[in-house]
Amino acid sequence: MEGKRIQFGRTQGLLILALGFLLLAFQIFCSLHLFSTGAGAIAGEVPTKHHAMDFVPGSLGILTIATGCYFLLQDKFKTRGFDPSARTKSGFPM
């Protein structure tokens, strides 16, 4: 069975890639905000209490970037076979 390609693979790849970078930027922003010194924090002290949910945007961002790259590469290396359209006896397309 021959694999089918996505019709708008390049566009979808770019949009998914942009979403991945936004998620990764959100993760970096949250990490810097969590580790920044607050009013009651001592300079250089790292909070010891972290939840696994704190790293979900970064993980999803990396997976989304990988998916976007897959769509872009799939669109780049697709076969560009051209099937000529059927023609009548006079040479006009049907």
N, C-alpha and C. Protein backbone atom coordinates (compact mmCIF):
# COMPACT_ATOMS: atom_id res chain seq x y z
N MET A 1 0.84 -1.17 0.00
CA MET A 1 0.00 0.00 0.00
C MET A 1 0.89 1.24 0.00
N GLU A 2 0.60 2.13 -0.90
CA GLU A 2 1.41 3.33 -1.04
C GLU A 2 0.96 4.37 0.00
N GLY A 3 1.94 5.01 0.64
CA GLY A 3 1.62 6.00 1.66
C GLY A 3 1.09 7.29 1.04
N LYS A 4 0.14 7.88 1.69
CA LYS A 4 -0.42 9.14 1.23
C LYS A 4 0.29 10.28 1.94
N ARG A 5 0.49 11.38 1.25
CA ARG A 5 1.12 12.54 1.88
C ARG A 5 0.04 13.55 2.23
N ILE A 6 0.37 14.43 3.15
CA ILE A 6 -0.55 15.46 3.58
C ILE A 6 -0.57 16.55 2.53
N GLN A 7 -1.75 17.08 2.24
CA GLN A 7 -1.87 18.07 1.17
C GLN A 7 -1.15 19.37 1.53
N PHE A 8 -1.31 19.84 2.74
CA PHE A 8 -0.68 21.09 3.15
C PHE A 8 0.40 20.80 4.18
N GLY A 9 1.31 19.90 3.88
CA GLY A 9 2.34 19.48 4.82
C GLY A 9 3.28 20.60 5.22
N ARG A 10 3.64 21.45 4.29
CA ARG A 10 4.57 22.54 4.61
C ARG A 10 3.92 23.55 5.54
N THR A 11 2.69 23.93 5.23
CA THR A 11 1.98 24.90 6.06
C THR A 11 1.72 24.35 7.45
N GLN A 12 1.25 23.12 7.52
CA GLN A 12 1.00 22.50 8.82
C GLN A 12 2.30 22.33 9.59
N GLY A 13 3.36 21.97 8.90
CA GLY A 13 4.65 21.81 9.56
C GLY A 13 5.15 23.11 10.16
N LEU A 14 5.00 24.21 9.43
CA LEU A 14 5.44 25.51 9.94
C LEU A 14 4.59 25.95 11.13
N LEU A 15 3.28 25.74 11.06
CA LEU A 15 2.41 26.12 12.18
C LEU A 15 2.68 25.28 13.42
N ILE A 16 2.88 24.00 13.24
CA ILE A 16 3.18 23.13 14.38
C ILE A 16 4.55 23.47 14.95
N LEU A 17 5.50 23.79 14.10
CA LEU A 17 6.83 24.20 14.56
C LEU A 17 6.75 25.50 15.37
N ALA A 18 5.94 26.45 14.90
CA ALA A 18 5.76 27.70 15.65
C ALA A 18 5.11 27.44 17.00
N LEU A 19 4.12 26.54 17.04
CA LEU A 19 3.49 26.20 18.31
C LEU A 19 4.49 25.56 19.27
N GLY A 20 5.37 24.72 18.75
CA GLY A 20 6.39 24.09 19.58
C GLY A 20 7.34 25.11 20.18
N PHE A 21 7.75 26.11 19.37
CA PHE A 21 8.64 27.14 19.89
C PHE A 21 7.93 28.01 20.92
N LEU A 22 6.63 28.25 20.73
CA LEU A 22 5.88 29.01 21.74
C LEU A 22 5.80 28.24 23.06
N LEU A 23 5.55 26.94 22.99
CA LEU A 23 5.51 26.14 24.21
C LEU A 23 6.86 26.11 24.90
N LEU A 24 7.91 26.00 24.12
CA LEU A 24 9.25 25.99 24.70
C LEU A 24 9.59 27.35 25.33
N ALA A 25 9.20 28.43 24.68
CA ALA A 25 9.43 29.76 25.24
C ALA A 25 8.63 29.95 26.53
N PHE A 26 7.41 29.43 26.56
CA PHE A 26 6.59 29.50 27.77
C PHE A 26 7.26 28.72 28.91
N GLN A 27 7.83 27.56 28.59
CA GLN A 27 8.53 26.76 29.60
C GLN A 27 9.73 27.53 30.15
N ILE A 28 10.50 28.15 29.27
CA ILE A 28 11.67 28.91 29.70
C ILE A 28 11.24 30.09 30.56
N PHE A 29 10.19 30.79 30.14
CA PHE A 29 9.69 31.92 30.91
C PHE A 29 9.24 31.47 32.30
N CYS A 30 8.50 30.37 32.36
CA CYS A 30 8.04 29.86 33.67
C CYS A 30 9.22 29.41 34.52
N SER A 31 10.20 28.79 33.94
CA SER A 31 11.36 28.34 34.70
C SER A 31 12.15 29.52 35.26
N LEU A 32 12.32 30.54 34.45
CA LEU A 32 13.03 31.73 34.93
C LEU A 32 12.22 32.45 36.01
N HIS A 33 10.91 32.44 35.86
CA HIS A 33 10.07 33.08 36.86
C HIS A 33 10.08 32.30 38.17
N LEU A 34 10.09 30.98 38.09
CA LEU A 34 10.11 30.16 39.30
C LEU A 34 11.44 30.27 40.03
N PHE A 35 12.53 30.37 39.28
CA PHE A 35 13.85 30.40 39.90
C PHE A 35 14.32 31.81 40.26
N SER A 36 13.53 32.82 39.89
CA SER A 36 13.95 34.18 40.21
C SER A 36 13.78 34.42 41.71
N THR A 37 14.54 35.37 42.23
CA THR A 37 14.47 35.66 43.66
C THR A 37 13.24 36.51 43.93
N GLY A 38 12.48 36.12 44.91
CA GLY A 38 11.28 36.86 45.29
C GLY A 38 11.53 37.67 46.53
N ALA A 39 10.47 38.18 47.14
CA ALA A 39 10.60 39.03 48.32
C ALA A 39 11.10 38.24 49.52
N GLY A 40 10.67 36.98 49.66
CA GLY A 40 11.06 36.21 50.83
C GLY A 40 12.15 35.19 50.54
N ALA A 41 12.68 35.20 49.34
CA ALA A 41 13.68 34.20 48.97
C ALA A 41 15.09 34.75 49.18
N ILE A 42 15.98 33.84 49.48
CA ILE A 42 17.39 34.20 49.63
C ILE A 42 18.04 34.10 48.25
N ALA A 43 18.92 35.02 47.94
CA ALA A 43 19.58 35.02 46.64
C ALA A 43 20.38 33.74 46.45
N GLY A 44 20.19 33.08 45.33
CA GLY A 44 20.92 31.85 45.02
C GLY A 44 20.22 30.60 45.52
N GLU A 45 19.14 30.75 46.27
CA GLU A 45 18.43 29.58 46.78
C GLU A 45 17.48 29.06 45.71
N VAL A 46 17.53 27.76 45.46
CA VAL A 46 16.68 27.12 44.48
C VAL A 46 15.53 26.46 45.21
N PRO A 47 14.30 26.69 44.79
CA PRO A 47 13.18 26.03 45.46
C PRO A 47 13.30 24.52 45.34
N THR A 48 13.03 23.81 46.41
CA THR A 48 13.20 22.36 46.41
C THR A 48 11.94 21.64 45.99
N LYS A 49 10.82 22.31 45.98
CA LYS A 49 9.55 21.66 45.68
C LYS A 49 9.16 21.94 44.22
N HIS A 50 9.26 20.92 43.41
CA HIS A 50 8.84 21.02 42.01
C HIS A 50 7.86 19.90 41.72
N HIS A 51 6.92 20.19 40.89
CA HIS A 51 5.96 19.18 40.45
C HIS A 51 6.34 18.73 39.05
N ALA A 52 5.91 17.53 38.71
CA ALA A 52 6.18 17.03 37.36
C ALA A 52 5.42 17.84 36.32
N MET A 53 4.31 18.44 36.73
CA MET A 53 3.52 19.24 35.80
C MET A 53 4.22 20.54 35.40
N ASP A 54 5.26 20.94 36.12
CA ASP A 54 6.00 22.15 35.78
C ASP A 54 6.75 22.00 34.46
N PHE A 55 7.03 20.78 34.04
CA PHE A 55 7.83 20.55 32.85
C PHE A 55 7.01 20.06 31.65
N VAL A 56 5.69 20.07 31.78
CA VAL A 56 4.83 19.61 30.68
C VAL A 56 4.93 20.52 29.45
N PRO A 57 4.88 21.86 29.57
CA PRO A 57 4.99 22.68 28.36
C PRO A 57 6.29 22.47 27.59
N GLY A 58 7.40 22.29 28.30
CA GLY A 58 8.67 22.07 27.63
C GLY A 58 8.71 20.74 26.90
N SER A 59 8.18 19.70 27.56
CA SER A 59 8.15 18.38 26.93
C SER A 59 7.24 18.38 25.71
N LEU A 60 6.07 19.00 25.85
CA LEU A 60 5.17 19.08 24.70
C LEU A 60 5.76 19.94 23.59
N GLY A 61 6.50 20.97 23.97
CA GLY A 61 7.15 21.82 22.97
C GLY A 61 8.17 21.06 22.15
N ILE A 62 8.96 20.23 22.82
CA ILE A 62 9.97 19.43 22.11
C ILE A 62 9.30 18.42 21.18
N LEU A 63 8.24 17.76 21.66
CA LEU A 63 7.51 16.80 20.81
C LEU A 63 6.84 17.51 19.63
N THR A 64 6.32 18.69 19.87
CA THR A 64 5.66 19.44 18.80
C THR A 64 6.67 19.91 17.76
N ILE A 65 7.83 20.34 18.20
CA ILE A 65 8.89 20.74 17.25
C ILE A 65 9.31 19.54 16.41
N ALA A 66 9.44 18.38 17.02
CA ALA A 66 9.81 17.17 16.27
C ALA A 66 8.73 16.82 15.25
N THR A 67 7.46 16.95 15.62
CA THR A 67 6.37 16.66 14.69
C THR A 67 6.36 17.65 13.54
N GLY A 68 6.57 18.92 13.83
CA GLY A 68 6.63 19.94 12.77
C GLY A 68 7.77 19.69 11.81
N CYS A 69 8.93 19.29 12.34
CA CYS A 69 10.07 18.97 11.47
C CYS A 69 9.76 17.75 10.60
N TYR A 70 9.05 16.77 11.17
CA TYR A 70 8.66 15.59 10.40
C TYR A 70 7.78 15.99 9.22
N PHE A 71 6.79 16.86 9.46
CA PHE A 71 5.91 17.29 8.38
C PHE A 71 6.67 18.08 7.32
N LEU A 72 7.60 18.92 7.76
CA LEU A 72 8.39 19.69 6.79
C LEU A 72 9.28 18.78 5.95
N LEU A 73 9.91 17.80 6.60
CA LEU A 73 10.77 16.88 5.84
C LEU A 73 9.96 15.99 4.92
N GLN A 74 8.77 15.58 5.37
CA GLN A 74 7.92 14.76 4.52
C GLN A 74 7.51 15.54 3.28
N ASP A 75 7.21 16.82 3.46
CA ASP A 75 6.83 17.64 2.31
C ASP A 75 8.02 17.90 1.39
N LYS A 76 9.22 18.02 1.98
CA LYS A 76 10.40 18.31 1.17
C LYS A 76 10.80 17.12 0.30
N PHE A 77 10.69 15.91 0.84
CA PHE A 77 11.15 14.73 0.12
C PHE A 77 10.02 13.95 -0.55
N LYS A 78 8.88 14.57 -0.74
CA LYS A 78 7.78 13.87 -1.39
C LYS A 78 8.09 13.65 -2.87
N THR A 79 7.48 12.66 -3.43
CA THR A 79 7.67 12.42 -4.86
C THR A 79 6.81 13.41 -5.62
N ARG A 80 7.38 14.00 -6.60
CA ARG A 80 6.67 14.99 -7.38
C ARG A 80 6.30 14.43 -8.75
N GLY A 81 5.75 13.24 -8.75
CA GLY A 81 5.35 12.62 -10.01
C GLY A 81 4.17 13.36 -10.61
N PHE A 82 4.21 13.55 -11.91
CA PHE A 82 3.15 14.25 -12.61
C PHE A 82 2.47 13.26 -13.53
N ASP A 83 1.18 13.09 -13.31
CA ASP A 83 0.40 12.24 -14.19
C ASP A 83 -0.31 13.13 -15.19
N PRO A 84 0.00 12.98 -16.47
CA PRO A 84 -0.68 13.82 -17.45
C PRO A 84 -2.17 13.51 -17.46
N SER A 85 -2.96 14.54 -17.63
CA SER A 85 -4.41 14.33 -17.64
C SER A 85 -4.82 13.63 -18.93
N ALA A 86 -5.97 13.00 -18.85
CA ALA A 86 -6.50 12.30 -20.03
C ALA A 86 -6.89 13.34 -21.09
N ARG A 87 -6.66 12.98 -22.33
CA ARG A 87 -6.96 13.90 -23.43
C ARG A 87 -7.88 13.21 -24.44
N THR A 88 -8.61 14.04 -25.14
CA THR A 88 -9.49 13.52 -26.20
C THR A 88 -8.65 13.29 -27.46
N LYS A 89 -9.27 12.80 -28.52
CA LYS A 89 -8.55 12.55 -29.77
C LYS A 89 -8.02 13.84 -30.39
N SER A 90 -8.69 14.96 -30.14
CA SER A 90 -8.25 16.23 -30.70
C SER A 90 -7.12 16.85 -29.88
N GLY A 91 -6.81 16.30 -28.68
CA GLY A 91 -5.71 16.81 -27.89
C GLY A 91 -6.11 17.69 -26.72
N PHE A 92 -7.42 17.94 -26.59
CA PHE A 92 -7.88 18.75 -25.47
C PHE A 92 -8.04 17.90 -24.21
N PRO A 93 -7.79 18.47 -23.04
CA PRO A 93 -7.98 17.71 -21.80
C PRO A 93 -9.45 17.41 -21.55
N MET A 94 -9.70 16.27 -20.94
CA MET A 94 -11.08 15.89 -20.62
C MET A 94 -11.56 16.60 -19.39
